[in-house]
Amino acid sequence: MIWRSTAQIVVAFVAAGLAIWFSPDLLVPLGLGEFARLGQLCFAILVLSVLDAVFVKLSTDHAIGPAENPPPDR
């Protein structure tokens, strides 16, 4: 279990780093080069938010949730 959380942290750092690295290249063609610093922050937050949703989805797929065990009828 500790390896999974460690891998998620490493993936999050790498993804945020790549988002910060490549966001100015994405903003310049859109005419938003003046907002490169703010864009870097926004892209990093966006990537980390998407990764959080993916990690939650992956962790709940392996757990037994209410959809698999509905409550009994009375």
PDB file of N, CA and C in Angstrom:
ATOM      1  N   MET A   1       0.824  -1.186   0.000  1.00  0.00           N
ATOM      2  CA  MET A   1       0.000   0.000   0.000  1.00  0.00           C
ATOM      3  C   MET A   1       0.869   1.251   0.000  1.00  0.00           C
ATOM      4  N   ILE A   2       1.988   1.231   0.667  1.00  0.00           N
ATOM      5  CA  ILE A   2       2.833   2.419   0.716  1.00  0.00           C
ATOM      6  C   ILE A   2       3.450   2.690  -0.663  1.00  0.00           C
ATOM      7  N   TRP A   3       3.657   1.648  -1.451  1.00  0.00           N
ATOM      8  CA  TRP A   3       4.230   1.857  -2.780  1.00  0.00           C
ATOM      9  C   TRP A   3       3.253   2.585  -3.686  1.00  0.00           C
ATOM     10  N   ARG A   4       1.962   2.304  -3.529  1.00  0.00           N
ATOM     11  CA  ARG A   4       0.963   2.975  -4.357  1.00  0.00           C
ATOM     12  C   ARG A   4       0.933   4.474  -4.063  1.00  0.00           C
ATOM     13  N   SER A   5       0.930   4.839  -2.796  1.00  0.00           N
ATOM     14  CA  SER A   5       0.891   6.263  -2.453  1.00  0.00           C
ATOM     15  C   SER A   5       2.185   6.956  -2.843  1.00  0.00           C
ATOM     16  N   THR A   6       3.310   6.271  -2.721  1.00  0.00           N
ATOM     17  CA  THR A   6       4.580   6.849  -3.155  1.00  0.00           C
ATOM     18  C   THR A   6       4.580   7.066  -4.660  1.00  0.00           C
ATOM     19  N   ALA A   7       4.067   6.117  -5.401  1.00  0.00           N
ATOM     20  CA  ALA A   7       3.998   6.261  -6.860  1.00  0.00           C
ATOM     21  C   ALA A   7       3.065   7.403  -7.248  1.00  0.00           C
ATOM     22  N   GLN A   8       1.960   7.564  -6.526  1.00  0.00           N
ATOM     23  CA  GLN A   8       1.044   8.662  -6.821  1.00  0.00           C
ATOM     24  C   GLN A   8       1.699  10.013  -6.572  1.00  0.00           C
ATOM     25  N   ILE A   9       2.479  10.128  -5.513  1.00  0.00           N
ATOM     26  CA  ILE A   9       3.184  11.382  -5.228  1.00  0.00           C
ATOM     27  C   ILE A   9       4.203  11.681  -6.315  1.00  0.00           C
ATOM     28  N   VAL A  10       4.945  10.670  -6.730  1.00  0.00           N
ATOM     29  CA  VAL A  10       5.951  10.869  -7.786  1.00  0.00           C
ATOM     30  C   VAL A  10       5.278  11.267  -9.097  1.00  0.00           C
ATOM     31  N   VAL A  11       4.191  10.598  -9.450  1.00  0.00           N
ATOM     32  CA  VAL A  11       3.464  10.936 -10.679  1.00  0.00           C
ATOM     33  C   VAL A  11       2.922  12.354 -10.607  1.00  0.00           C
ATOM     34  N   ALA A  12       2.427  12.765  -9.443  1.00  0.00           N
ATOM     35  CA  ALA A  12       1.894  14.117  -9.285  1.00  0.00           C
ATOM     36  C   ALA A  12       2.991  15.166  -9.451  1.00  0.00           C
ATOM     37  N   PHE A  13       4.163  14.932  -8.871  1.00  0.00           N
ATOM     38  CA  PHE A  13       5.265  15.879  -9.013  1.00  0.00           C
ATOM     39  C   PHE A  13       5.741  15.970 -10.457  1.00  0.00           C
ATOM     40  N   VAL A  14       5.847  14.844 -11.122  1.00  0.00           N
ATOM     41  CA  VAL A  14       6.288  14.843 -12.520  1.00  0.00           C
ATOM     42  C   VAL A  14       5.262  15.541 -13.405  1.00  0.00           C
ATOM     43  N   ALA A  15       3.987  15.245 -13.199  1.00  0.00           N
ATOM     44  CA  ALA A  15       2.942  15.864 -14.015  1.00  0.00           C
ATOM     45  C   ALA A  15       2.880  17.369 -13.782  1.00  0.00           C
ATOM     46  N   ALA A  16       2.993  17.805 -12.525  1.00  0.00           N
ATOM     47  CA  ALA A  16       2.982  19.244 -12.243  1.00  0.00           C
ATOM     48  C   ALA A  16       4.211  19.920 -12.837  1.00  0.00           C
ATOM     49  N   GLY A  17       5.344  19.266 -12.761  1.00  0.00           N
ATOM     50  CA  GLY A  17       6.558  19.821 -13.363  1.00  0.00           C
ATOM     51  C   GLY A  17       6.441  19.960 -14.871  1.00  0.00           C
ATOM     52  N   LEU A  18       5.877  18.948 -15.517  1.00  0.00           N
ATOM     53  CA  LEU A  18       5.685  19.028 -16.968  1.00  0.00           C
ATOM     54  C   LEU A  18       4.672  20.110 -17.340  1.00  0.00           C
ATOM     55  N   ALA A  19       3.639  20.260 -16.522  1.00  0.00           N
ATOM     56  CA  ALA A  19       2.653  21.308 -16.788  1.00  0.00           C
ATOM     57  C   ALA A  19       3.281  22.688 -16.659  1.00  0.00           C
ATOM     58  N   ILE A  20       4.114  22.869 -15.663  1.00  0.00           N
ATOM     59  CA  ILE A  20       4.793  24.155 -15.488  1.00  0.00           C
ATOM     60  C   ILE A  20       5.782  24.390 -16.614  1.00  0.00           C
ATOM     61  N   TRP A  21       6.467  23.351 -17.037  1.00  0.00           N
ATOM     62  CA  TRP A  21       7.489  23.479 -18.077  1.00  0.00           C
ATOM     63  C   TRP A  21       6.883  23.834 -19.438  1.00  0.00           C
ATOM     64  N   PHE A  22       5.771  23.182 -19.793  1.00  0.00           N
ATOM     65  CA  PHE A  22       5.221  23.347 -21.135  1.00  0.00           C
ATOM     66  C   PHE A  22       4.095  24.370 -21.251  1.00  0.00           C
ATOM     67  N   SER A  23       3.608  24.895 -20.148  1.00  0.00           N
ATOM     68  CA  SER A  23       2.491  25.835 -20.233  1.00  0.00           C
ATOM     69  C   SER A  23       2.825  27.120 -20.985  1.00  0.00           C
ATOM     70  N   PRO A  24       4.015  27.711 -20.864  1.00  0.00           N
ATOM     71  CA  PRO A  24       4.289  28.901 -21.683  1.00  0.00           C
ATOM     72  C   PRO A  24       4.232  28.605 -23.181  1.00  0.00           C
ATOM     73  N   ASP A  25       4.661  27.421 -23.577  1.00  0.00           N
ATOM     74  CA  ASP A  25       4.601  27.050 -24.992  1.00  0.00           C
ATOM     75  C   ASP A  25       3.159  26.917 -25.478  1.00  0.00           C
ATOM     76  N   LEU A  26       2.259  26.572 -24.582  1.00  0.00           N
ATOM     77  CA  LEU A  26       0.848  26.467 -24.946  1.00  0.00           C
ATOM     78  C   LEU A  26       0.147  27.825 -24.950  1.00  0.00           C
ATOM     79  N   LEU A  27       0.612  28.735 -24.104  1.00  0.00           N
ATOM     80  CA  LEU A  27      -0.058  30.029 -23.981  1.00  0.00           C
ATOM     81  C   LEU A  27       0.341  31.021 -25.070  1.00  0.00           C
ATOM     82  N   VAL A  28       1.569  30.949 -25.555  1.00  0.00           N
ATOM     83  CA  VAL A  28       2.048  31.914 -26.558  1.00  0.00           C
ATOM     84  C   VAL A  28       1.238  31.831 -27.851  1.00  0.00           C
ATOM     85  N   PRO A  29       0.977  30.660 -28.426  1.00  0.00           N
ATOM     86  CA  PRO A  29       0.168  30.622 -29.648  1.00  0.00           C
ATOM     87  C   PRO A  29      -1.264  31.138 -29.453  1.00  0.00           C
ATOM     88  N   LEU A  30      -1.753  31.087 -28.228  1.00  0.00           N
ATOM     89  CA  LEU A  30      -3.095  31.585 -27.943  1.00  0.00           C
ATOM     90  C   LEU A  30      -3.112  33.095 -27.700  1.00  0.00           C
ATOM     91  N   GLY A  31      -1.940  33.712 -27.721  1.00  0.00           N
ATOM     92  CA  GLY A  31      -1.852  35.145 -27.479  1.00  0.00           C
ATOM     93  C   GLY A  31      -1.870  35.503 -26.007  1.00  0.00           C
ATOM     94  N   LEU A  32      -1.613  34.537 -25.155  1.00  0.00           N
ATOM     95  CA  LEU A  32      -1.638  34.765 -23.714  1.00  0.00           C
ATOM     96  C   LEU A  32      -0.257  34.659 -23.088  1.00  0.00           C
ATOM     97  N   GLY A  33       0.775  34.974 -23.862  1.00  0.00           N
ATOM     98  CA  GLY A  33       2.146  34.874 -23.372  1.00  0.00           C
ATOM     99  C   GLY A  33       2.435  35.785 -22.195  1.00  0.00           C
ATOM    100  N   GLU A  34       1.681  36.883 -22.073  1.00  0.00           N
ATOM    101  CA  GLU A  34       1.886  37.810 -20.965  1.00  0.00           C
ATOM    102  C   GLU A  34       1.500  37.183 -19.629  1.00  0.00           C
ATOM    103  N   PHE A  35       0.672  36.164 -19.686  1.00  0.00           N
ATOM    104  CA  PHE A  35       0.190  35.524 -18.470  1.00  0.00           C
ATOM    105  C   PHE A  35       0.894  34.194 -18.214  1.00  0.00           C
ATOM    106  N   ALA A  36       2.156  34.107 -18.602  1.00  0.00           N
ATOM    107  CA  ALA A  36       2.875  32.837 -18.499  1.00  0.00           C
ATOM    108  C   ALA A  36       2.999  32.364 -17.053  1.00  0.00           C
ATOM    109  N   ARG A  37       3.316  33.259 -16.137  1.00  0.00           N
ATOM    110  CA  ARG A  37       3.468  32.844 -14.730  1.00  0.00           C
ATOM    111  C   ARG A  37       2.135  32.375 -14.148  1.00  0.00           C
ATOM    112  N   LEU A  38       1.101  33.134 -14.380  1.00  0.00           N
ATOM    113  CA  LEU A  38      -0.218  32.739 -13.897  1.00  0.00           C
ATOM    114  C   LEU A  38      -0.697  31.477 -14.601  1.00  0.00           C
ATOM    115  N   GLY A  39      -0.395  31.361 -15.883  1.00  0.00           N
ATOM    116  CA  GLY A  39      -0.771  30.168 -16.640  1.00  0.00           C
ATOM    117  C   GLY A  39      -0.075  28.931 -16.128  1.00  0.00           C
ATOM    118  N   GLN A  40       1.185  29.072 -15.724  1.00  0.00           N
ATOM    119  CA  GLN A  40       1.900  27.934 -15.164  1.00  0.00           C
ATOM    120  C   GLN A  40       1.214  27.441 -13.897  1.00  0.00           C
ATOM    121  N   LEU A  41       0.823  28.368 -13.060  1.00  0.00           N
ATOM    122  CA  LEU A  41       0.136  27.997 -11.829  1.00  0.00           C
ATOM    123  C   LEU A  41      -1.209  27.337 -12.132  1.00  0.00           C
ATOM    124  N   CYS A  42      -1.948  27.916 -13.049  1.00  0.00           N
ATOM    125  CA  CYS A  42      -3.278  27.367 -13.385  1.00  0.00           C
ATOM    126  C   CYS A  42      -3.171  25.986 -14.020  1.00  0.00           C
ATOM    127  N   PHE A  43      -2.208  25.798 -14.919  1.00  0.00           N
ATOM    128  CA  PHE A  43      -2.047  24.482 -15.539  1.00  0.00           C
ATOM    129  C   PHE A  43      -1.625  23.436 -14.510  1.00  0.00           C
ATOM    130  N   ALA A  44      -0.748  23.810 -13.580  1.00  0.00           N
ATOM    131  CA  ALA A  44      -0.326  22.860 -12.547  1.00  0.00           C
ATOM    132  C   ALA A  44      -1.515  22.461 -11.678  1.00  0.00           C
ATOM    133  N   ILE A  45      -2.348  23.441 -11.295  1.00  0.00           N
ATOM    134  CA  ILE A  45      -3.530  23.140 -10.485  1.00  0.00           C
ATOM    135  C   ILE A  45      -4.506  22.268 -11.261  1.00  0.00           C
ATOM    136  N   LEU A  46      -4.694  22.560 -12.538  1.00  0.00           N
ATOM    137  CA  LEU A  46      -5.589  21.767 -13.366  1.00  0.00           C
ATOM    138  C   LEU A  46      -5.109  20.321 -13.478  1.00  0.00           C
ATOM    139  N   VAL A  47      -3.825  20.136 -13.736  1.00  0.00           N
ATOM    140  CA  VAL A  47      -3.272  18.781 -13.870  1.00  0.00           C
ATOM    141  C   VAL A  47      -3.393  18.025 -12.550  1.00  0.00           C
ATOM    142  N   LEU A  48      -3.084  18.688 -11.440  1.00  0.00           N
ATOM    143  CA  LEU A  48      -3.179  18.015 -10.147  1.00  0.00           C
ATOM    144  C   LEU A  48      -4.624  17.694  -9.779  1.00  0.00           C
ATOM    145  N   SER A  49      -5.563  18.527 -10.175  1.00  0.00           N
ATOM    146  CA  SER A  49      -6.974  18.240  -9.919  1.00  0.00           C
ATOM    147  C   SER A  49      -7.446  17.027 -10.711  1.00  0.00           C
ATOM    148  N   VAL A  50      -7.036  16.959 -11.959  1.00  0.00           N
ATOM    149  CA  VAL A  50      -7.406  15.802 -12.790  1.00  0.00           C
ATOM    150  C   VAL A  50      -6.760  14.537 -12.233  1.00  0.00           C
ATOM    151  N   LEU A  51      -5.499  14.625 -11.832  1.00  0.00           N
ATOM    152  CA  LEU A  51      -4.833  13.456 -11.259  1.00  0.00           C
ATOM    153  C   LEU A  51      -5.500  13.013  -9.958  1.00  0.00           C
ATOM    154  N   ASP A  52      -5.950  13.953  -9.151  1.00  0.00           N
ATOM    155  CA  ASP A  52      -6.637  13.598  -7.921  1.00  0.00           C
ATOM    156  C   ASP A  52      -7.897  12.796  -8.227  1.00  0.00           C
ATOM    157  N   ALA A  53      -8.650  13.241  -9.214  1.00  0.00           N
ATOM    158  CA  ALA A  53      -9.861  12.507  -9.598  1.00  0.00           C
ATOM    159  C   ALA A  53      -9.516  11.110 -10.116  1.00  0.00           C
ATOM    160  N   VAL A  54      -8.445  11.006 -10.879  1.00  0.00           N
ATOM    161  CA  VAL A  54      -8.016   9.701 -11.398  1.00  0.00           C
ATOM    162  C   VAL A  54      -7.578   8.793 -10.258  1.00  0.00           C
ATOM    163  N   PHE A  55      -6.806   9.338  -9.315  1.00  0.00           N
ATOM    164  CA  PHE A  55      -6.337   8.524  -8.194  1.00  0.00           C
ATOM    165  C   PHE A  55      -7.497   8.061  -7.315  1.00  0.00           C
ATOM    166  N   VAL A  56      -8.482   8.916  -7.102  1.00  0.00           N
ATOM    167  CA  VAL A  56      -9.653   8.521  -6.313  1.00  0.00           C
ATOM    168  C   VAL A  56     -10.421   7.426  -7.044  1.00  0.00           C
ATOM    169  N   LYS A  57     -10.583   7.577  -8.347  1.00  0.00           N
ATOM    170  CA  LYS A  57     -11.284   6.561  -9.133  1.00  0.00           C
ATOM    171  C   LYS A  57     -10.543   5.228  -9.084  1.00  0.00           C
ATOM    172  N   LEU A  58      -9.220   5.267  -9.197  1.00  0.00           N
ATOM    173  CA  LEU A  58      -8.439   4.032  -9.148  1.00  0.00           C
ATOM    174  C   LEU A  58      -8.495   3.379  -7.772  1.00  0.00           C
ATOM    175  N   SER A  59      -8.495   4.180  -6.720  1.00  0.00           N
ATOM    176  CA  SER A  59      -8.506   3.590  -5.383  1.00  0.00           C
ATOM    177  C   SER A  59      -9.885   3.034  -5.031  1.00  0.00           C
ATOM    178  N   THR A  60     -10.966   3.616  -5.557  1.00  0.00           N
ATOM    179  CA  THR A  60     -12.295   3.089  -5.259  1.00  0.00           C
ATOM    180  C   THR A  60     -12.663   1.908  -6.135  1.00  0.00           C
ATOM    181  N   ASP A  61     -11.972   1.722  -7.253  1.00  0.00           N
ATOM    182  CA  ASP A  61     -12.246   0.563  -8.093  1.00  0.00           C
ATOM    183  C   ASP A  61     -11.864  -0.737  -7.395  1.00  0.00           C
ATOM    184  N   HIS A  62     -10.869  -0.672  -6.524  1.00  0.00           N
ATOM    185  CA  HIS A  62     -10.398  -1.881  -5.860  1.00  0.00           C
ATOM    186  C   HIS A  62     -11.114  -2.126  -4.536  1.00  0.00           C
ATOM    187  N   ALA A  63     -11.835  -1.145  -4.061  1.00  0.00           N
ATOM    188  CA  ALA A  63     -12.558  -1.303  -2.797  1.00  0.00           C
ATOM    189  C   ALA A  63     -13.989  -1.756  -3.071  1.00  0.00           C
ATOM    190  N   ILE A  64     -14.573  -2.357  -2.077  1.00  0.00           N
ATOM    191  CA  ILE A  64     -15.971  -2.767  -2.200  1.00  0.00           C
ATOM    192  C   ILE A  64     -16.821  -1.573  -1.781  1.00  0.00           C
ATOM    193  N   GLY A  65     -17.561  -1.073  -2.710  1.00  0.00           N
ATOM    194  CA  GLY A  65     -18.353   0.118  -2.437  1.00  0.00           C
ATOM    195  C   GLY A  65     -19.820  -0.187  -2.349  1.00  0.00           C
ATOM    196  N   PRO A  66     -20.625   0.833  -2.127  1.00  0.00           N
ATOM    197  CA  PRO A  66     -22.065   0.626  -1.983  1.00  0.00           C
ATOM    198  C   PRO A  66     -22.730   0.135  -3.264  1.00  0.00           C
ATOM    199  N   ALA A  67     -22.149   0.387  -4.428  1.00  0.00           N
ATOM    200  CA  ALA A  67     -22.759  -0.070  -5.671  1.00  0.00           C
ATOM    201  C   ALA A  67     -22.680  -1.590  -5.787  1.00  0.00           C
ATOM    202  N   GLU A  68     -21.628  -2.184  -5.242  1.00  0.00           N
ATOM    203  CA  GLU A  68     -21.476  -3.618  -5.323  1.00  0.00           C
ATOM    204  C   GLU A  68     -22.266  -4.342  -4.232  1.00  0.00           C
ATOM    205  N   ASN A  69     -22.486  -3.674  -3.107  1.00  0.00           N
ATOM    206  CA  ASN A  69     -23.217  -4.258  -1.993  1.00  0.00           C
ATOM    207  C   ASN A  69     -24.355  -3.328  -1.593  1.00  0.00           C
ATOM    208  N   PRO A  70     -25.461  -3.358  -2.345  1.00  0.00           N
ATOM    209  CA  PRO A  70     -26.572  -2.477  -1.973  1.00  0.00           C
ATOM    210  C   PRO A  70     -27.194  -2.927  -0.657  1.00  0.00           C
ATOM    211  N   PRO A  71     -27.842  -2.005   0.048  1.00  0.00           N
ATOM    212  CA  PRO A  71     -28.492  -2.411   1.301  1.00  0.00           C
ATOM    213  C   PRO A  71     -29.664  -3.343   1.019  1.00  0.00           C
ATOM    214  N   PRO A  72     -29.948  -4.243   1.941  1.00  0.00           N
ATOM    215  CA  PRO A  72     -31.058  -5.184   1.725  1.00  0.00           C
ATOM    216  C   PRO A  72     -32.404  -4.477   1.767  1.00  0.00           C
ATOM    217  N   ASP A  73     -33.363  -5.035   1.015  1.00  0.00           N
ATOM    218  CA  ASP A  73     -34.708  -4.493   1.027  1.00  0.00           C
ATOM    219  C   ASP A  73     -35.415  -4.878   2.330  1.00  0.00           C
ATOM    220  N   ARG A  74     -36.251  -4.006   2.813  1.00  0.00           N
ATOM    221  CA  ARG A  74     -36.949  -4.286   4.077  1.00  0.00           C
ATOM    222  C   ARG A  74     -38.291  -4.869   3.835  1.00  0.00           C
TER     223      ARG A  74
END
